[in-house]
Protein backbone atom coordinates (compact mmCIF):
# COMPACT_ATOMS: atom_id res chain seq x y z
CA ASP A 1 33.12 -20.38 53.23
CA THR A 2 32.68 -23.24 50.82
CA SER A 3 29.43 -22.32 49.25
CA ALA A 4 31.34 -20.13 46.49
CA SER A 5 32.99 -23.31 45.21
CA GLN A 6 29.92 -25.61 45.28
CA PRO A 7 28.03 -26.12 42.00
CA LEU A 8 24.60 -24.66 41.46
CA PRO A 9 21.64 -26.95 42.02
CA LYS A 10 19.83 -28.08 38.99
CA ALA A 11 16.79 -25.87 39.57
CA ASP A 12 18.95 -22.88 39.69
CA LYS A 13 20.99 -23.82 36.60
CA LYS A 14 17.67 -24.21 34.71
CA LYS A 15 16.52 -20.87 35.80
CA ALA A 16 19.68 -19.24 34.89
CA SER A 17 19.50 -20.82 31.50
CA ALA A 18 15.89 -19.83 30.95
CA SER A 19 16.74 -16.21 31.97
CA LYS A 20 19.52 -16.19 29.39
CA ALA A 21 17.29 -17.44 26.66
CA ALA A 22 14.61 -14.94 27.58
CA ALA A 23 17.17 -12.19 27.48
CA ALA A 24 18.51 -13.33 24.12
CA ALA A 25 15.03 -13.70 22.60
CA ALA A 26 14.14 -10.17 23.89
CA THR A 27 17.28 -8.85 22.14
CA ARG A 28 16.37 -10.58 18.83
CA LEU A 29 12.80 -9.12 19.25
CA ALA A 30 14.19 -5.59 19.78
CA ALA A 31 16.51 -5.94 16.77
CA ALA A 32 13.58 -7.20 14.56
CA ILE A 33 11.49 -4.27 15.42
CA ARG A 34 14.38 -1.89 14.57
CA GLU A 35 14.58 -3.61 11.24
CA GLY A 36 10.88 -2.90 10.67
CA ASN A 37 10.10 -6.12 8.82
CA ALA A 38 6.80 -7.68 9.82
CA ALA A 39 7.70 -11.26 9.25
CA ALA A 40 11.05 -10.95 11.08
CA VAL A 41 9.09 -9.37 14.05
CA GLU A 42 6.36 -12.16 14.08
CA GLU A 43 9.05 -14.75 14.00
CA ALA A 44 10.86 -13.15 16.79
CA CYS A 45 7.63 -12.84 18.81
CA SER A 46 7.09 -16.58 18.47
CA ALA A 47 10.60 -17.29 19.70
CA ALA A 48 10.27 -14.72 22.57
CA GLU A 49 6.98 -16.13 23.64
CA ALA A 50 8.54 -19.67 23.81
CA ALA A 51 11.56 -18.39 25.71
CA GLY A 52 9.31 -16.74 28.29
CA VAL A 53 9.69 -13.13 27.41
CA ASP A 54 7.04 -10.95 29.21
CA ALA A 55 3.78 -11.35 27.52
CA ASP A 56 3.20 -7.45 27.48
CA LYS A 57 6.45 -7.05 25.43
CA VAL A 58 5.48 -9.72 22.94
CA ASP A 59 2.01 -8.32 22.60
CA ALA A 60 3.44 -4.91 21.92
CA ALA A 61 5.67 -6.32 19.35
CA ARG A 62 2.88 -8.20 17.50
CA ILE A 63 1.08 -4.77 17.27
CA LYS A 64 4.22 -3.40 15.70
CA ALA A 65 4.40 -6.37 13.37
CA VAL A 66 0.91 -5.64 12.19
CA MET A 67 1.77 -1.93 11.67
CA PHE A 68 4.86 -2.95 9.58
CA ALA A 69 2.83 -5.41 7.52
CA VAL A 70 0.07 -2.91 6.54
CA GLN A 71 2.83 -0.39 5.84
CA GLU A 72 4.51 -2.87 3.61
CA GLU A 73 1.13 -3.63 1.99
CA LEU A 74 0.44 0.06 1.34
CA ARG A 75 3.88 0.37 -0.43
CA ALA A 76 3.17 -2.63 -2.50
CA ALA A 77 -0.24 -1.49 -3.47
CA ARG A 78 1.13 1.96 -4.42
CA LYS A 79 3.85 0.45 -6.53
CA SER A 80 1.12 -1.73 -8.33
CA GLU A 81 -0.77 1.40 -9.35
CA ASP A 82 -4.04 -0.57 -8.63
CA PRO A 83 -6.42 2.05 -7.19
CA ALA A 84 -8.75 -0.53 -5.58
CA TRP A 85 -5.80 -2.27 -3.80
CA ILE A 86 -4.55 1.15 -2.67
CA ASP A 87 -7.86 1.93 -1.18
CA GLN A 88 -8.09 -1.48 0.63
CA ALA A 89 -4.59 -1.05 1.91
CA CYS A 90 -5.39 2.51 3.16
CA ARG A 91 -8.44 1.10 5.15
CA ARG A 92 -6.23 -1.65 6.73
CA ALA A 93 -3.49 0.95 7.46
CA ARG A 94 -5.98 3.36 9.12
CA ASP A 95 -7.37 0.46 11.29
CA ALA A 96 -3.77 -0.40 12.31
CA GLY A 97 -2.98 3.17 13.25
CA VAL A 98 -0.60 4.13 10.46
CA ASP A 99 0.17 7.79 10.41
CA ALA A 100 -2.43 9.85 8.58
CA PRO A 101 -0.04 11.68 6.13
CA GLU A 102 1.16 8.20 4.77
CA ILE A 103 -2.33 7.17 4.19
CA GLU A 104 -3.50 10.52 2.75
CA ALA A 105 -0.61 10.32 0.21
CA ALA A 106 -1.81 6.90 -0.94
CA ARG A 107 -5.29 8.07 -1.30
CA ALA A 108 -4.41 11.04 -3.33
CA GLU A 109 -2.49 8.57 -5.57
CA SER A 110 -5.61 6.34 -5.74
CA ARG A 111 -7.67 9.32 -6.68
CA LYS A 112 -5.36 10.27 -9.49
CA LEU A 113 -5.18 6.66 -10.85
CA TYR A 114 -9.13 6.60 -10.88
CA ALA A 115 -9.33 10.01 -12.52
CA ARG A 116 -6.67 9.07 -15.18
CA ALA A 117 -8.80 5.83 -16.00
CA ASP A 118 -12.03 7.86 -16.11
CA LEU A 119 -10.33 10.48 -18.43
CA ALA A 120 -9.04 7.75 -20.82
CA ALA A 121 -12.55 6.19 -21.15
CA ALA A 122 -13.96 9.67 -21.74
CA VAL A 123 -11.37 10.22 -24.48
CA GLN A 124 -12.36 6.89 -26.09
CA CYS A 125 -16.06 8.04 -26.35
CA ALA A 126 -14.91 11.20 -28.05
CA ASP A 127 -17.77 13.26 -26.54
CA MET A 128 -16.21 16.60 -25.59
CA GLU A 129 -18.87 17.24 -22.90
CA ILE A 130 -17.96 14.00 -21.20
CA VAL A 131 -14.33 14.77 -21.75
CA GLU A 132 -14.53 18.24 -20.12
CA GLU A 133 -16.37 16.78 -17.25
CA ALA A 134 -13.81 14.18 -16.73
CA CYS A 135 -11.12 16.84 -17.09
CA GLN A 136 -12.68 18.84 -14.33
CA LEU A 137 -12.84 15.77 -11.98
CA ALA A 138 -9.20 14.86 -12.94
CA LYS A 139 -8.02 18.48 -12.12
CA GLU A 140 -9.66 18.18 -8.65
CA ALA A 141 -7.90 14.85 -8.16
CA GLY A 142 -4.58 16.59 -8.95
CA LEU A 143 -3.71 15.49 -12.47
CA ALA A 144 -1.34 17.99 -14.28
CA GLU A 145 -2.85 20.39 -16.82
CA ALA A 146 -0.44 19.10 -19.37
CA GLU A 147 -2.28 15.65 -19.06
CA LEU A 148 -5.72 17.23 -19.21
CA SER A 149 -4.66 19.15 -22.30
CA LYS A 150 -3.40 16.08 -23.97
CA ALA A 151 -6.79 14.32 -23.28
CA ARG A 152 -8.67 17.15 -24.75
CA SER A 153 -6.51 17.22 -27.84
CA ASP A 154 -6.80 13.34 -28.23
CA ALA A 155 -10.56 13.52 -27.82
CA LYS A 156 -10.78 16.17 -30.50
CA ALA A 157 -8.62 13.99 -32.88
CA ALA A 158 -10.77 10.96 -32.17
CA ARG A 159 -13.94 12.99 -32.81
CA SER A 160 -12.35 14.18 -36.11
CA ARG A 161 -11.46 10.77 -37.14
CA GLU A 162 -14.95 9.56 -36.21
CA GLU A 163 -16.52 12.40 -38.37
CA SER A 164 -14.28 11.76 -41.19
CA ALA A 165 -15.17 7.96 -41.38
CA LYS A 166 -18.86 8.89 -41.18
CA GLU A 167 -18.47 11.35 -44.10
CA ALA A 168 -16.62 8.72 -46.06
CA ALA A 169 -19.13 6.11 -45.31
CA LYS A 170 -21.93 8.64 -46.33
CA GLU A 171 -20.07 9.55 -49.63
CA ALA A 172 -19.60 5.91 -50.41
CA ALA A 173 -23.29 5.10 -49.88
CA THR A 174 -24.18 7.97 -52.11
CA ALA A 175 -21.74 6.94 -54.87
CA SER A 176 -23.20 3.44 -54.89
CA HIS A 177 -26.68 4.73 -55.74
C-alpha cells in the first residue's frame, strides 16, 4: 500500500492546521479562565473565536470574563472606600451572578462607610441629639463601640468649645459697653 507515503491533499492539510489552531486557542482560553483575569479571558475569547473554537465554549468563557470583571471592580471599589462606587459595583456583581456572600460583605462595608461619614457630620454640628441618632445608625451598620464613644466625646468637646466661644463673645460685648 502506497497511500501511507503519499502527502496529504491541501484541503486535508488546511483542516489539520485549523484543528491544531482551534485546539491551541481552546487551551489558551482554559488557561486564561484558570487565571481569573477578565481582560486575559476576553482576549483569549477573541483568539478562540477566530480559530474556530466552538461558539458555546467561547460564549461560556465570555460570561466568565464578565464575572471576573465585576469581581475585579468590586475589589477595586472596596479598596477605594467610596460607598457609592461600592453600591454600584454590588449591583453589577449581583446582575452578573457573583456569589451573595461576596456582595453582602461589600454592602456591609458600604453601610459602615456611609454611617462613618454621617457620624462625622453629626459631630461637626455638635448637637448631641443628632450625634446620638447618628451613633444608633452607625451601631446598626456595624461600627465599633470605641468609634461611637470617640464620636460622642468629640461632639461634647466641640459643644464645649462652641459654648466657651459664645460666652467669651458675650463677655467681650458686655465689657465694651
